[in-house]
Amino acid sequence: MPFDPRFVERHPLLWPLARAARAFAGAGDWPPVASWSAVFAETPPVRFAVAVPRPRRGRPVPPFDPAAQYDASISERGVVPSRERHWHDFLNALVWGTFPRAKAALHRRQGAMLAARIDPRAPRLPAHRTRAQDGLAMIDEGGMLALVAPGGERQLVFGHAIYEGFVLGVHGMTARVVRLDVPALDGDAIAQADAALAARLADPTFSTLPDDLPRVFVPDRLLPEP
């Protein structure tokens, strides 16, 4: 699918990404992965690098390197492997630029979970993720954040797969809700959600089991653009 610099206008719930997307407003074609750090308003906490393709069948497989796995690459090296000309990965970068603290906290937790399960002598990753890892992936890909304060609630999308669905016109999507209690709903819902989710993910008592993350259908509009 060709790049559309006005993609944020395709769905009302894309509004949180508008600031980060302005860096590419004049792009006539896909911006290269090396330029994606422009999504950050402040010093980039990570950099985006072109993902190494998997070896073709029949080609030699490089030695297993735990530190090179996706979450470990982010948490240990500060590098987010990304595919060129790819909406899913591009929107992931925009979410990084919009919720940098929460994204960093999520991958630290995911990286720690993975490190606890890896046998350094094993030739590959464990065959399956734990249910807690599944829940973290659901938040990352399909998370919906609900800021809850006395007298009100604000909701906004976090998961980059949901944003991808908005861009590509996918209907009937579901999300996993993370409720975040805040003292009051201030004017900057994005910054408030970023800080609140980062704190929640850093709390070891916060359960990421899928059964503890309510599933909801994604409607056409949850939170009007402020």
Protein backbone atom coordinates (compact mmCIF):
# COMPACT_ATOMS: atom_id res chain seq x y z
CA MET A 1 0.00 0.00 0.00
CA PRO A 2 1.47 3.41 -0.92
CA PHE A 3 2.36 5.90 1.78
CA ASP A 4 -0.26 8.51 2.60
CA PRO A 5 1.09 11.46 4.63
CA ARG A 6 -2.50 12.36 5.62
CA PHE A 7 -3.29 8.93 7.03
CA VAL A 8 -4.26 10.38 10.43
CA GLU A 9 -7.40 11.76 8.78
CA ARG A 10 -8.68 8.29 7.93
CA HIS A 11 -10.22 7.59 11.33
CA PRO A 12 -11.17 9.81 14.29
CA LEU A 13 -9.34 7.57 16.78
CA LEU A 14 -5.97 8.15 15.07
CA TRP A 15 -5.73 11.59 16.72
CA PRO A 16 -3.12 10.61 19.39
CA LEU A 17 -0.57 9.98 16.62
CA ALA A 18 -1.07 13.36 14.95
CA ARG A 19 1.89 15.10 16.59
CA ALA A 20 4.36 12.32 15.81
CA ALA A 21 3.01 12.01 12.27
CA ARG A 22 3.69 15.68 11.49
CA ALA A 23 7.36 14.78 10.99
CA PHE A 24 6.35 13.05 7.77
CA ALA A 25 3.64 15.42 6.56
CA GLY A 26 5.62 16.38 3.46
CA ALA A 27 6.72 12.86 2.50
CA GLY A 28 5.78 11.85 -1.04
CA ASP A 29 6.80 8.25 -0.46
CA TRP A 30 7.56 5.94 2.43
CA PRO A 31 10.06 7.55 4.84
CA PRO A 32 13.03 5.22 5.39
CA VAL A 33 13.35 3.42 8.71
CA ALA A 34 16.50 5.42 9.48
CA SER A 35 14.36 8.60 9.61
CA TRP A 36 11.73 7.30 12.01
CA SER A 37 13.40 8.75 15.11
CA ALA A 38 11.79 12.03 14.03
CA VAL A 39 8.64 10.79 15.80
CA PHE A 40 10.09 11.81 19.18
CA ALA A 41 9.50 15.26 20.63
CA GLU A 42 12.52 14.88 22.92
CA THR A 43 15.75 12.86 22.95
CA PRO A 44 14.93 9.48 21.35
CA PRO A 45 14.95 6.65 23.92
CA VAL A 46 15.43 4.10 21.11
CA ARG A 47 16.44 4.07 17.47
CA PHE A 48 14.83 2.21 14.60
CA ALA A 49 16.93 -0.09 12.43
CA VAL A 50 16.03 -2.21 9.43
CA ALA A 51 15.17 -5.70 10.62
CA VAL A 52 17.46 -8.49 9.46
CA PRO A 53 15.40 -10.82 7.27
CA ARG A 54 15.05 -14.43 8.25
CA PRO A 55 17.37 -16.79 6.40
CA ARG A 56 15.75 -18.46 3.43
CA ARG A 57 15.03 -22.15 3.65
CA GLY A 58 18.18 -24.12 3.00
CA ARG A 59 20.50 -21.24 3.97
CA PRO A 60 22.75 -21.48 7.06
CA VAL A 61 21.04 -20.27 10.24
CA PRO A 62 23.17 -17.91 12.35
CA PRO A 63 23.92 -18.90 15.96
CA PHE A 64 21.13 -18.14 18.42
CA ASP A 65 21.76 -14.82 20.17
CA PRO A 66 19.28 -14.07 23.01
CA ALA A 67 20.26 -10.39 23.02
CA ALA A 68 19.28 -10.08 19.36
CA GLN A 69 15.67 -11.14 19.92
CA TYR A 70 13.07 -8.43 19.44
CA ASP A 71 12.30 -7.41 23.02
CA ALA A 72 15.88 -7.92 24.17
CA SER A 73 17.12 -5.79 21.28
CA ILE A 74 14.89 -2.98 22.54
CA SER A 75 15.48 -3.31 26.28
CA GLU A 76 19.22 -4.10 26.12
CA ARG A 77 20.39 -2.29 22.97
CA GLY A 78 17.79 0.41 22.48
CA VAL A 79 17.19 -0.77 18.92
CA VAL A 80 13.73 -1.46 17.48
CA PRO A 81 14.00 -3.81 14.45
CA SER A 82 11.60 -2.50 11.79
CA ARG A 83 10.60 -3.31 8.22
CA GLU A 84 10.79 -0.74 5.46
CA ARG A 85 7.57 0.40 3.77
CA HIS A 86 5.44 -1.40 6.33
CA TRP A 87 2.40 0.19 7.97
CA HIS A 88 2.47 -2.06 11.03
CA ASP A 89 6.05 -1.19 11.92
CA PHE A 90 5.69 2.47 10.95
CA LEU A 91 2.68 2.85 13.25
CA ASN A 92 4.63 1.10 15.99
CA ALA A 93 7.25 3.84 15.63
CA LEU A 94 4.55 6.50 15.90
CA VAL A 95 3.25 4.88 19.08
CA TRP A 96 6.80 4.97 20.42
CA GLY A 97 6.89 8.69 19.68
CA THR A 98 3.51 9.23 21.35
CA PHE A 99 3.87 6.99 24.43
CA PRO A 100 7.66 6.63 24.88
CA ARG A 101 7.63 5.90 28.61
CA ALA A 102 4.92 3.27 28.38
CA LYS A 103 6.50 1.54 25.37
CA ALA A 104 9.87 1.39 27.11
CA ALA A 105 8.28 -0.02 30.27
CA LEU A 106 6.36 -2.63 28.27
CA HIS A 107 9.45 -3.93 26.49
CA ARG A 108 11.51 -3.92 29.69
CA ARG A 109 8.88 -6.14 31.26
CA GLN A 110 8.60 -8.36 28.20
CA GLY A 111 12.40 -8.61 27.97
CA ALA A 112 12.67 -9.55 31.65
CA MET A 113 10.00 -12.23 31.24
CA LEU A 114 11.81 -13.68 28.26
CA ALA A 115 15.23 -13.56 29.92
CA ALA A 116 13.87 -15.51 32.89
CA ARG A 117 12.83 -18.34 30.55
CA ILE A 118 15.82 -18.55 28.22
CA ASP A 119 18.35 -21.29 28.76
CA PRO A 120 21.66 -19.80 27.51
CA ARG A 121 22.60 -23.26 26.23
CA ALA A 122 19.38 -23.62 24.19
CA PRO A 123 19.60 -23.23 20.41
CA ARG A 124 16.38 -21.23 20.15
CA LEU A 125 13.64 -19.39 22.02
CA PRO A 126 11.06 -21.29 24.07
CA ALA A 127 8.42 -22.72 21.75
CA HIS A 128 5.55 -20.82 23.38
CA ARG A 129 5.03 -17.62 25.31
CA THR A 130 3.57 -17.67 28.81
CA ARG A 131 0.05 -16.34 29.30
CA ALA A 132 1.50 -13.25 30.99
CA GLN A 133 3.66 -12.65 27.90
CA ASP A 134 0.58 -13.12 25.73
CA GLY A 135 -1.21 -10.42 27.70
CA LEU A 136 1.68 -7.99 27.30
CA ALA A 137 1.67 -8.61 23.56
CA MET A 138 -2.08 -7.95 23.52
CA ILE A 139 -1.53 -4.59 25.21
CA ASP A 140 1.27 -3.74 22.79
CA GLU A 141 -0.68 -4.71 19.68
CA GLY A 142 -4.29 -4.12 20.69
CA GLY A 143 -4.34 -2.11 23.89
CA MET A 144 -7.01 0.45 24.74
CA LEU A 145 -6.32 2.77 27.69
CA ALA A 146 -9.07 4.05 29.96
CA LEU A 147 -8.12 6.96 32.20
CA VAL A 148 -10.50 6.81 35.14
CA ALA A 149 -10.95 9.70 37.58
CA PRO A 150 -13.74 10.75 39.94
CA GLY A 151 -16.58 11.90 37.78
CA GLY A 152 -15.26 10.87 34.39
CA GLU A 153 -13.31 8.64 32.05
CA ARG A 154 -11.25 9.18 28.88
CA GLN A 155 -10.24 6.45 26.47
CA LEU A 156 -7.60 6.32 23.79
CA VAL A 157 -5.88 3.71 21.67
CA PHE A 158 -2.40 2.40 22.52
CA GLY A 159 -1.95 -0.73 20.38
CA HIS A 160 -0.28 -0.18 17.01
CA ALA A 161 -2.18 -3.08 15.39
CA ILE A 162 -5.43 -1.23 16.16
CA TYR A 163 -4.01 1.91 14.57
CA GLU A 164 -2.97 -0.15 11.56
CA GLY A 165 -6.54 -1.39 11.27
CA PHE A 166 -7.80 2.19 11.25
CA VAL A 167 -5.41 3.12 8.44
CA LEU A 168 -6.26 0.05 6.36
CA GLY A 169 -10.01 0.28 6.95
CA VAL A 170 -10.39 -2.89 9.03
CA HIS A 171 -13.74 -3.25 10.82
CA GLY A 172 -14.86 -5.41 13.73
CA MET A 173 -11.60 -5.18 15.68
CA THR A 174 -11.35 -5.99 19.38
CA ALA A 175 -9.07 -4.44 21.97
CA ARG A 176 -7.84 -5.25 25.48
CA VAL A 177 -8.56 -2.55 28.02
CA VAL A 178 -6.13 -1.34 30.67
CA ARG A 179 -7.88 0.83 33.26
CA LEU A 180 -5.64 3.51 34.74
CA ASP A 181 -6.82 5.35 37.86
CA VAL A 182 -5.74 8.99 37.86
CA PRO A 183 -6.50 11.79 40.35
CA ALA A 184 -8.16 13.97 37.70
CA LEU A 185 -8.50 14.20 33.95
CA ASP A 186 -6.12 16.96 32.94
CA GLY A 187 -5.84 18.57 29.53
CA ASP A 188 -3.08 16.31 28.16
CA ALA A 189 -4.60 12.85 27.97
CA ILE A 190 -1.63 11.47 26.02
CA ALA A 191 1.04 12.48 28.53
CA GLN A 192 -1.18 11.37 31.40
CA ALA A 193 -1.81 7.97 29.82
CA ASP A 194 1.88 7.53 29.00
CA ALA A 195 2.96 8.14 32.59
CA ALA A 196 0.14 6.09 34.11
CA LEU A 197 0.67 3.06 31.89
CA ALA A 198 4.44 3.16 32.41
CA ALA A 199 3.90 3.12 36.17
CA ARG A 200 1.40 0.29 35.92
CA LEU A 201 3.71 -1.85 33.80
CA ALA A 202 6.58 -1.26 36.24
CA ASP A 203 4.41 -2.58 39.08
CA PRO A 204 5.12 -6.32 39.49
CA THR A 205 1.67 -6.83 41.04
CA PHE A 206 -0.08 -5.70 37.85
CA SER A 207 -1.40 -8.80 36.12
CA THR A 208 -1.01 -9.07 32.36
CA LEU A 209 -2.87 -12.36 32.15
CA PRO A 210 -5.36 -12.12 29.25
CA ASP A 211 -8.26 -13.01 31.58
CA ASP A 212 -7.49 -9.84 33.55
CA LEU A 213 -7.61 -7.61 30.46
CA PRO A 214 -11.23 -7.02 29.43
CA ARG A 215 -11.96 -7.49 25.73
CA VAL A 216 -14.04 -4.83 23.98
CA PHE A 217 -15.09 -4.13 20.41
CA VAL A 218 -13.46 -1.02 18.95
CA PRO A 219 -16.19 1.45 18.02
CA ASP A 220 -15.89 4.23 15.48
CA ARG A 221 -15.23 6.87 18.11
CA LEU A 222 -14.27 6.79 21.78
CA LEU A 223 -12.62 10.11 22.45
CA PRO A 224 -13.06 13.18 20.26
CA GLU A 225 -9.91 15.02 19.30
CA PRO A 226 -9.25 17.75 21.87
